[in-house]
Amino acid sequence: MTRSQDTPAGGGAATRAEAALDSPLLPLADDALVLSHRLGEWAGHAPVLEEELALANIALDLLGQARVLYSQLGDEDELAFLREERSFRNCQLVEQPNGDFACTMVRQLFFSACQELLFGQLAELGDPLASKAVKEAEYHRDHAEHWTIRLGDGTEESHARTQRAVDGLWRYTGELFEPLPGPAPVGAVDWAALRAGWTERVTRVLTSATLTVPDSPQSGAWAAGAGRQGLHTEPFGRMLAEMQHLHRSHPGASW
C-alpha cells in the first residue's frame, strides 16, 4: 500500500492522474471507495439500529483506506469525483447493488475474506499501512461471517435468500485474484496462495451455514469480470452518478 512510483516531473494534475491509472494501488483504492458507498446506502434502511451502526463503521473504515491510497496517487477529490466510469479500476463484485441484507453480507464476506488475506501478505512484505488495514478487514470479515452463518442456517426463507446471494455473486469473485502488476509490495503478492486461502476460508463458512458451495474455480461460473480494465456492470454507472453529483454540481466549493 506504499506509493508505487514517483509523480513524473511537470505535466501538472493531468499527468499525475494519468500515472495513477497505471498504479497497482488504484484498484485497491477504488474497491474500498465503491464498497464504502454501497454500504453507506444502508443508512436509514438497515434492519436494526445495531446493524445501521456496524455497516456505517465498516463503510467509514473502507473510506479511510481509500483516502490513504488516493493521497499517495494524487488529489483525493479528483480521483474520487472527477473520473469517468471507464477510469475506475474496482472489481465488479463491490459495485453490485446491495439487494437484501443477505446479499450485502455475502458480498462483504467474499470481499473482506480476500482483503484480509491480501493485507496480511502486504504486512508481511513490510507495508506499514497494511498492518492497520488487516485488522479492519478481519473485523469486517468476522461480521459478515457471523451473519452469513446465522442467515444460511436460519429459517427456510433466510436460507433461500442467502443461497441465492451466494449463487448470484460467486461469478464476480474470480476477479479478486487477478494479479496487479507493479513494484513491491503489491507486485510481490502471491495471488495463487491468496486464492487458495480464500477458497478454503469461504468454503468453510458456507458449509457451516448449510449453504451449497458453487462450482469450482475451473468452471465457467468462476469467470472474472473486467472491472480492473475499466469495464463495469450497469448498476455502477447509476451509483457513480449519484456519488459524484454534488461535487460536480458545485466545482471548487469548500465547507
Protein backbone atom coordinates (compact mmCIF):
# COMPACT_ATOMS: atom_id res chain seq x y z
CA MET A 1 0.00 0.00 0.00
CA THR A 2 3.03 2.25 -0.09
CA ARG A 3 3.47 4.57 -3.03
CA SER A 4 4.50 2.59 -6.09
CA GLN A 5 6.06 5.30 -8.23
CA ASP A 6 7.03 8.92 -8.20
CA THR A 7 4.93 11.50 -9.98
CA PRO A 8 6.58 12.48 -13.28
CA ALA A 9 8.14 15.92 -13.27
CA GLY A 10 5.97 18.50 -14.98
CA GLY A 11 2.65 17.90 -16.64
CA GLY A 12 0.58 19.02 -13.64
CA ALA A 13 -2.51 17.31 -12.34
CA ALA A 14 -3.37 15.65 -15.66
CA THR A 15 -0.03 13.86 -15.80
CA ARG A 16 -0.37 12.70 -12.22
CA ALA A 17 -3.91 11.46 -12.80
CA GLU A 18 -2.77 9.52 -15.86
CA ALA A 19 0.08 7.97 -13.87
CA ALA A 20 -2.41 6.91 -11.19
CA LEU A 21 -4.29 4.78 -13.73
CA ASP A 22 -1.24 2.54 -14.07
CA SER A 23 -0.61 2.17 -10.33
CA PRO A 24 -1.44 -1.15 -8.62
CA LEU A 25 -2.74 0.93 -5.72
CA LEU A 26 -5.63 2.37 -7.73
CA PRO A 27 -7.70 -0.86 -7.92
CA LEU A 28 -7.35 -1.30 -4.15
CA ALA A 29 -8.44 2.29 -3.55
CA ASP A 30 -11.36 2.03 -5.95
CA ASP A 31 -12.52 -1.24 -4.37
CA ALA A 32 -12.63 0.41 -0.96
CA LEU A 33 -14.34 3.59 -2.16
CA VAL A 34 -17.06 1.87 -4.16
CA LEU A 35 -17.91 -0.67 -1.46
CA SER A 36 -17.91 2.12 1.13
CA HIS A 37 -20.54 3.96 -0.90
CA ARG A 38 -22.62 0.83 -1.35
CA LEU A 39 -22.64 0.18 2.40
CA GLY A 40 -23.48 3.82 3.02
CA GLU A 41 -26.68 3.29 1.07
CA TRP A 42 -27.95 1.25 4.02
CA ALA A 43 -28.15 4.39 6.18
CA GLY A 44 -31.73 4.62 7.38
CA HIS A 45 -32.59 1.22 5.89
CA ALA A 46 -30.71 -1.37 7.97
CA PRO A 47 -32.91 -3.99 9.67
CA VAL A 48 -31.91 -2.94 13.21
CA LEU A 49 -30.10 0.04 14.73
CA GLU A 50 -27.08 -2.06 15.75
CA GLU A 51 -26.55 -3.07 12.12
CA GLU A 52 -27.03 0.51 10.97
CA LEU A 53 -24.06 1.48 13.13
CA ALA A 54 -21.99 -1.57 12.18
CA LEU A 55 -22.42 -1.01 8.43
CA ALA A 56 -21.67 2.69 8.83
CA ASN A 57 -18.47 1.88 10.70
CA ILE A 58 -17.36 -0.61 8.06
CA ALA A 59 -18.12 1.96 5.36
CA LEU A 60 -16.00 4.55 7.19
CA ASP A 61 -13.12 2.08 7.56
CA LEU A 62 -13.19 1.46 3.82
CA LEU A 63 -13.43 5.16 3.05
CA GLY A 64 -10.38 5.75 5.23
CA GLN A 65 -8.46 3.08 3.33
CA ALA A 66 -9.44 4.67 0.03
CA ARG A 67 -8.31 8.11 1.18
CA VAL A 68 -4.91 6.85 2.29
CA LEU A 69 -4.35 5.15 -1.06
CA TYR A 70 -5.67 8.04 -3.17
CA SER A 71 -3.48 10.51 -1.28
CA GLN A 72 -0.44 8.58 -2.49
CA LEU A 73 -1.57 8.85 -6.09
CA GLY A 74 -2.88 12.39 -6.42
CA ASP A 75 -5.73 14.62 -5.29
CA GLU A 76 -8.35 12.59 -3.39
CA ASP A 77 -11.36 14.55 -4.64
CA GLU A 78 -10.18 14.49 -8.23
CA LEU A 79 -9.66 10.74 -8.18
CA ALA A 80 -12.96 10.01 -6.43
CA PHE A 81 -15.30 12.52 -8.03
CA LEU A 82 -13.90 13.68 -11.37
CA ARG A 83 -13.03 10.44 -13.12
CA GLU A 84 -15.34 8.86 -15.67
CA GLU A 85 -16.66 5.32 -15.30
CA ARG A 86 -14.05 3.74 -17.57
CA SER A 87 -11.24 5.17 -15.42
CA PHE A 88 -12.30 3.24 -12.32
CA ARG A 89 -10.42 0.00 -11.66
CA ASN A 90 -12.57 -1.56 -8.94
CA CYS A 91 -13.61 -5.17 -9.27
CA GLN A 92 -17.18 -5.76 -10.34
CA LEU A 93 -18.07 -7.52 -7.08
CA VAL A 94 -18.04 -4.35 -4.96
CA GLU A 95 -20.26 -2.39 -7.35
CA GLN A 96 -23.11 -4.89 -7.24
CA PRO A 97 -26.33 -3.48 -5.69
CA ASN A 98 -26.98 -4.15 -2.02
CA GLY A 99 -30.04 -6.28 -2.67
CA ASP A 100 -31.42 -7.65 0.57
CA PHE A 101 -29.44 -7.97 3.80
CA ALA A 102 -28.27 -11.49 2.92
CA CYS A 103 -26.87 -10.27 -0.39
CA THR A 104 -24.97 -7.47 1.34
CA MET A 105 -23.48 -9.86 3.90
CA VAL A 106 -22.39 -12.41 1.31
CA ARG A 107 -20.80 -9.69 -0.82
CA GLN A 108 -18.99 -8.46 2.29
CA LEU A 109 -17.83 -11.95 3.18
CA PHE A 110 -16.39 -12.58 -0.28
CA PHE A 111 -14.60 -9.23 -0.39
CA SER A 112 -13.37 -8.99 3.20
CA ALA A 113 -12.04 -12.55 3.27
CA CYS A 114 -9.86 -11.64 0.29
CA GLN A 115 -8.90 -8.23 1.63
CA GLU A 116 -7.83 -9.66 4.98
CA LEU A 117 -5.52 -12.19 3.31
CA LEU A 118 -4.17 -9.59 0.87
CA PHE A 119 -3.37 -7.06 3.59
CA GLY A 120 -1.85 -9.86 5.64
CA GLN A 121 0.58 -10.60 2.83
CA LEU A 122 1.35 -6.92 2.33
CA ALA A 123 2.05 -6.52 6.06
CA GLU A 124 4.47 -9.45 5.91
CA LEU A 125 6.16 -7.76 2.96
CA GLY A 126 6.83 -4.74 5.15
CA ASP A 127 3.96 -2.41 4.29
CA PRO A 128 3.20 -0.44 7.49
CA LEU A 129 -0.22 0.76 6.32
CA ALA A 130 -1.38 -2.79 5.67
CA SER A 131 -0.71 -3.72 9.30
CA LYS A 132 -3.58 -1.44 10.38
CA ALA A 133 -5.83 -2.26 7.45
CA VAL A 134 -5.64 -6.02 8.03
CA LYS A 135 -7.17 -5.55 11.49
CA GLU A 136 -10.09 -3.65 9.98
CA ALA A 137 -10.55 -6.31 7.29
CA GLU A 138 -10.53 -9.01 9.97
CA TYR A 139 -13.41 -7.30 11.77
CA HIS A 140 -15.32 -6.82 8.51
CA ARG A 141 -14.87 -10.49 7.60
CA ASP A 142 -15.85 -11.69 11.07
CA HIS A 143 -19.03 -9.58 11.00
CA ALA A 144 -20.02 -10.87 7.56
CA GLU A 145 -19.13 -14.44 8.50
CA HIS A 146 -21.36 -14.29 11.58
CA TRP A 147 -24.32 -13.07 9.57
CA THR A 148 -23.80 -15.48 6.68
CA ILE A 149 -23.89 -18.44 9.07
CA ARG A 150 -26.83 -17.00 11.01
CA LEU A 151 -28.88 -16.41 7.87
CA GLY A 152 -27.83 -19.53 5.99
CA ASP A 153 -28.55 -21.80 8.95
CA GLY A 154 -31.67 -19.88 9.95
CA THR A 155 -35.18 -20.06 8.62
CA GLU A 156 -36.19 -21.58 5.31
CA GLU A 157 -36.64 -18.06 3.91
CA SER A 158 -33.29 -16.72 5.15
CA HIS A 159 -31.52 -19.84 3.87
CA ALA A 160 -33.05 -19.47 0.41
CA ARG A 161 -32.15 -15.77 0.21
CA THR A 162 -28.57 -16.38 1.32
CA GLN A 163 -28.09 -19.24 -1.13
CA ARG A 164 -29.46 -17.02 -3.89
CA ALA A 165 -26.94 -14.33 -2.93
CA VAL A 166 -24.05 -16.83 -2.97
CA ASP A 167 -25.06 -18.17 -6.38
CA GLY A 168 -25.50 -14.68 -7.83
CA LEU A 169 -22.26 -13.14 -6.55
CA TRP A 170 -19.90 -16.11 -6.94
CA ARG A 171 -19.27 -15.32 -10.61
CA TYR A 172 -17.67 -11.99 -9.67
CA THR A 173 -15.15 -13.36 -7.18
CA GLY A 174 -12.53 -14.58 -9.66
CA GLU A 175 -11.52 -11.01 -10.42
CA LEU A 176 -10.34 -10.56 -6.84
CA PHE A 177 -7.32 -12.73 -7.62
CA GLU A 178 -6.16 -11.18 -10.87
CA PRO A 179 -2.52 -10.16 -10.25
CA LEU A 180 -1.92 -6.43 -10.04
CA PRO A 181 1.34 -5.78 -11.89
CA GLY A 182 3.80 -3.31 -10.44
CA PRO A 183 6.64 -2.98 -7.96
CA ALA A 184 6.68 -4.44 -4.47
CA PRO A 185 4.90 -4.79 -2.18
CA VAL A 186 1.74 -5.23 -4.29
CA GLY A 187 3.72 -6.69 -7.16
CA ALA A 188 5.19 -9.32 -4.83
CA VAL A 189 1.84 -10.72 -3.64
CA ASP A 190 1.38 -14.47 -4.09
CA TRP A 191 -2.00 -14.41 -5.80
CA ALA A 192 -2.25 -18.19 -6.12
CA ALA A 193 -1.81 -18.61 -2.36
CA LEU A 194 -4.31 -15.80 -1.79
CA ARG A 195 -6.89 -17.55 -3.92
CA ALA A 196 -6.31 -20.91 -2.23
CA GLY A 197 -6.61 -19.37 1.24
CA TRP A 198 -9.77 -17.51 0.27
CA THR A 199 -11.38 -20.62 -1.21
CA GLU A 200 -10.65 -22.66 1.92
CA ARG A 201 -11.97 -19.98 4.26
CA VAL A 202 -15.13 -19.16 2.31
CA THR A 203 -15.91 -22.84 1.74
CA ARG A 204 -15.69 -23.44 5.48
CA VAL A 205 -18.09 -20.58 6.21
CA LEU A 206 -20.62 -21.60 3.57
CA THR A 207 -20.53 -25.20 4.78
CA SER A 208 -21.13 -24.06 8.36
CA ALA A 209 -24.06 -22.02 7.06
CA THR A 210 -25.54 -25.17 5.44
CA LEU A 211 -25.15 -23.48 2.06
CA THR A 212 -24.09 -25.12 -1.19
CA VAL A 213 -20.70 -24.01 -2.47
CA PRO A 214 -20.97 -23.10 -6.18
CA ASP A 215 -18.92 -24.73 -8.91
CA SER A 216 -15.16 -24.94 -8.60
CA PRO A 217 -12.79 -22.21 -9.85
CA GLN A 218 -12.23 -24.22 -13.02
CA SER A 219 -15.86 -23.89 -14.10
CA GLY A 220 -17.29 -21.18 -16.31
CA ALA A 221 -19.22 -19.79 -13.34
CA TRP A 222 -15.93 -18.53 -11.89
CA ALA A 223 -15.13 -16.30 -14.90
CA ALA A 224 -13.81 -12.93 -13.73
CA GLY A 225 -15.29 -9.64 -14.80
CA ALA A 226 -13.40 -6.81 -16.41
CA GLY A 227 -13.63 -4.12 -13.75
CA ARG A 228 -9.84 -3.96 -13.47
CA GLN A 229 -9.82 -2.95 -17.14
CA GLY A 230 -12.44 -0.25 -16.62
CA LEU A 231 -15.44 -2.24 -17.86
CA HIS A 232 -18.27 -2.21 -15.33
CA THR A 233 -21.77 -3.56 -14.88
CA GLU A 234 -24.83 -1.42 -15.49
CA PRO A 235 -25.56 -0.59 -11.82
CA PHE A 236 -22.15 1.03 -11.44
CA GLY A 237 -22.94 3.92 -13.78
CA ARG A 238 -26.01 4.87 -11.76
CA MET A 239 -24.13 4.57 -8.48
CA LEU A 240 -21.25 6.70 -9.76
CA ALA A 241 -23.60 9.45 -10.96
CA GLU A 242 -25.16 9.60 -7.51
CA MET A 243 -21.81 9.56 -5.73
CA GLN A 244 -20.30 12.32 -7.88
CA HIS A 245 -23.37 14.51 -8.32
CA LEU A 246 -22.79 17.01 -5.51
CA HIS A 247 -19.10 17.56 -6.24
CA ARG A 248 -19.69 18.01 -9.97
CA SER A 249 -22.65 20.34 -9.36
CA HIS A 250 -20.55 22.71 -7.25
CA PRO A 251 -17.00 22.59 -8.63
CA GLY A 252 -14.42 24.22 -6.39
CA ALA A 253 -16.83 24.57 -3.47
CA SER A 254 -15.50 24.14 0.07
CA TRP A 255 -17.06 23.83 3.51
